[in-house]
C-alpha atoms as a PDB file:
ATOM      1  CA  MET A   1     124.393 144.178 110.259  1.00  0.00           C
ATOM      2  CA  ILE A   2     122.153 142.052 108.029  1.00  0.00           C
ATOM      3  CA  THR A   3     120.696 143.751 104.969  1.00  0.00           C
ATOM      4  CA  PRO A   4     116.872 143.642 105.022  1.00  0.00           C
ATOM      5  CA  VAL A   5     115.134 141.923 102.116  1.00  0.00           C
ATOM      6  CA  ILE A   6     112.559 144.745 102.101  1.00  0.00           C
ATOM      7  CA  ALA A   7     113.109 148.222 103.510  1.00  0.00           C
ATOM      8  CA  LEU A   8     110.430 150.875 103.051  1.00  0.00           C
ATOM      9  CA  GLU A   9     110.904 154.225 104.740  1.00  0.00           C
ATOM     10  CA  ASN A  10     108.120 156.807 104.743  1.00  0.00           C
ATOM     11  CA  LEU A  11     106.654 155.537 101.470  1.00  0.00           C
ATOM     12  CA  SER A  12     103.901 157.728 100.010  1.00  0.00           C
ATOM     13  CA  HIS A  13     102.041 157.590  96.723  1.00  0.00           C
ATOM     14  CA  ALA A  14      98.944 159.386  95.459  1.00  0.00           C
ATOM     15  CA  TYR A  15      96.700 159.163  92.435  1.00  0.00           C
ATOM     16  CA  GLY A  16      95.944 162.790  91.838  1.00  0.00           C
ATOM     17  CA  ARG A  17      94.553 164.081  95.135  1.00  0.00           C
ATOM     18  CA  ALA A  18      93.659 160.588  96.449  1.00  0.00           C
ATOM     19  CA  GLU A  19      96.469 159.415  98.686  1.00  0.00           C
ATOM     20  CA  ALA A  20      96.845 155.636  98.402  1.00  0.00           C
ATOM     21  CA  VAL A  21      99.852 155.177 100.724  1.00  0.00           C
ATOM     22  CA  HIS A  22     100.902 157.694 103.370  1.00  0.00           C
ATOM     23  CA  ASP A  23     104.208 157.580 105.286  1.00  0.00           C
ATOM     24  CA  PHE A  24     104.459 153.754 105.351  1.00  0.00           C
ATOM     25  CA  SER A  25     107.583 152.136 106.788  1.00  0.00           C
ATOM     26  CA  LEU A  26     108.349 148.427 106.884  1.00  0.00           C
ATOM     27  CA  THR A  27     111.474 146.304 107.306  1.00  0.00           C
ATOM     28  CA  VAL A  28     111.536 142.590 106.513  1.00  0.00           C
ATOM     29  CA  ALA A  29     114.595 140.614 107.568  1.00  0.00           C
ATOM     30  CA  PRO A  30     115.868 137.636 105.543  1.00  0.00           C
ATOM     31  CA  GLY A  31     113.993 134.443 106.371  1.00  0.00           C
ATOM     32  CA  ARG A  32     110.869 136.253 107.606  1.00  0.00           C
ATOM     33  CA  CYS A  33     107.414 136.130 106.045  1.00  0.00           C
ATOM     34  CA  TYR A  34     104.890 138.948 106.282  1.00  0.00           C
ATOM     35  CA  GLY A  35     101.465 139.610 104.802  1.00  0.00           C
ATOM     36  CA  LEU A  36      99.764 142.871 103.868  1.00  0.00           C
ATOM     37  CA  PHE A  37      96.170 142.943 104.985  1.00  0.00           C
ATOM     38  CA  GLY A  38      93.653 145.719 104.679  1.00  0.00           C
ATOM     39  CA  ARG A  39      90.359 146.805 103.240  1.00  0.00           C
ATOM     40  CA  ASN A  40      89.878 147.705  99.602  1.00  0.00           C
ATOM     41  CA  GLY A  41      91.732 150.917  98.812  1.00  0.00           C
ATOM     42  CA  ALA A  42      94.133 150.576 101.759  1.00  0.00           C
ATOM     43  CA  GLY A  43      97.219 150.773  99.519  1.00  0.00           C
ATOM     44  CA  LYS A  44      98.334 147.146  99.402  1.00  0.00           C
ATOM     45  CA  THR A  45      98.648 146.898  95.616  1.00  0.00           C
ATOM     46  CA  THR A  46     100.130 150.381  95.351  1.00  0.00           C
ATOM     47  CA  THR A  47     102.804 149.410  97.881  1.00  0.00           C
ATOM     48  CA  MET A  48     103.626 146.241  95.916  1.00  0.00           C
ATOM     49  CA  LYS A  49     103.844 148.194  92.666  1.00  0.00           C
ATOM     50  CA  CYS A  50     106.217 150.698  94.286  1.00  0.00           C
ATOM     51  CA  LEU A  51     108.373 147.778  95.488  1.00  0.00           C
ATOM     52  CA  LEU A  52     108.529 146.416  91.938  1.00  0.00           C
ATOM     53  CA  ASN A  53     109.200 149.796  90.304  1.00  0.00           C
ATOM     54  CA  LEU A  54     105.885 149.646  88.445  1.00  0.00           C
ATOM     55  CA  LEU A  55     104.959 152.914  90.204  1.00  0.00           C
ATOM     56  CA  ARG A  56     107.300 155.618  91.437  1.00  0.00           C
ATOM     57  CA  PRO A  57     106.787 156.719  95.048  1.00  0.00           C
ATOM     58  CA  ARG A  58     105.923 160.393  95.586  1.00  0.00           C
ATOM     59  CA  ALA A  59     108.044 160.323  98.760  1.00  0.00           C
ATOM     60  CA  GLY A  60     110.123 157.913 100.789  1.00  0.00           C
ATOM     61  CA  THR A  61     112.649 155.254  99.904  1.00  0.00           C
ATOM     62  CA  VAL A  62     112.302 151.699  98.650  1.00  0.00           C
ATOM     63  CA  ARG A  63     115.042 149.087  98.950  1.00  0.00           C
ATOM     64  CA  LEU A  64     114.926 145.416  98.024  1.00  0.00           C
ATOM     65  CA  PHE A  65     117.967 143.340  98.931  1.00  0.00           C
ATOM     66  CA  GLY A  66     119.679 146.656  99.698  1.00  0.00           C
ATOM     67  CA  LEU A  67     119.098 147.932  96.156  1.00  0.00           C
ATOM     68  CA  ASP A  68     116.908 150.718  94.806  1.00  0.00           C
ATOM     69  CA  PRO A  69     114.570 149.013  92.311  1.00  0.00           C
ATOM     70  CA  ALA A  70     114.412 152.199  90.211  1.00  0.00           C
ATOM     71  CA  LYS A  71     118.190 152.135  89.699  1.00  0.00           C
ATOM     72  CA  HIS A  72     118.829 148.377  89.792  1.00  0.00           C
ATOM     73  CA  GLU A  73     115.649 147.031  88.249  1.00  0.00           C
ATOM     74  CA  VAL A  74     117.158 143.994  86.515  1.00  0.00           C
ATOM     75  CA  GLU A  75     119.154 142.840  89.548  1.00  0.00           C
ATOM     76  CA  VAL A  76     116.136 143.188  91.845  1.00  0.00           C
ATOM     77  CA  LYS A  77     113.685 141.448  89.493  1.00  0.00           C
ATOM     78  CA  ARG A  78     116.061 138.502  89.091  1.00  0.00           C
ATOM     79  CA  CYS A  79     115.377 137.713  92.775  1.00  0.00           C
ATOM     80  CA  LEU A  80     111.559 138.106  92.686  1.00  0.00           C
ATOM     81  CA  ALA A  81     108.376 136.613  91.337  1.00  0.00           C
ATOM     82  CA  TYR A  82     105.174 138.663  91.138  1.00  0.00           C
ATOM     83  CA  VAL A  83     101.819 137.147  90.313  1.00  0.00           C
ATOM     84  CA  PRO A  84      99.073 139.807  90.555  1.00  0.00           C
ATOM     85  CA  ASP A  85      95.453 138.890  91.332  1.00  0.00           C
END
């Protein structure tokens, strides 16, 4: 089995009572390209920040290259580039 580059399972995050991401799952295989589209406030940036360990998910799991970015932050960030806005 090939390890996904991105694996989100039931990701959720809230800012106080305002839920930004609710039960979001996504798997991206190596060599694939995906885009996140949605209206303002849909949770795109929050999802990206959870992927990069800039925010901690309230629920669910995040894996990049098979690693948990909260536990293997340096190894994960060596493989990424993030340019916000």
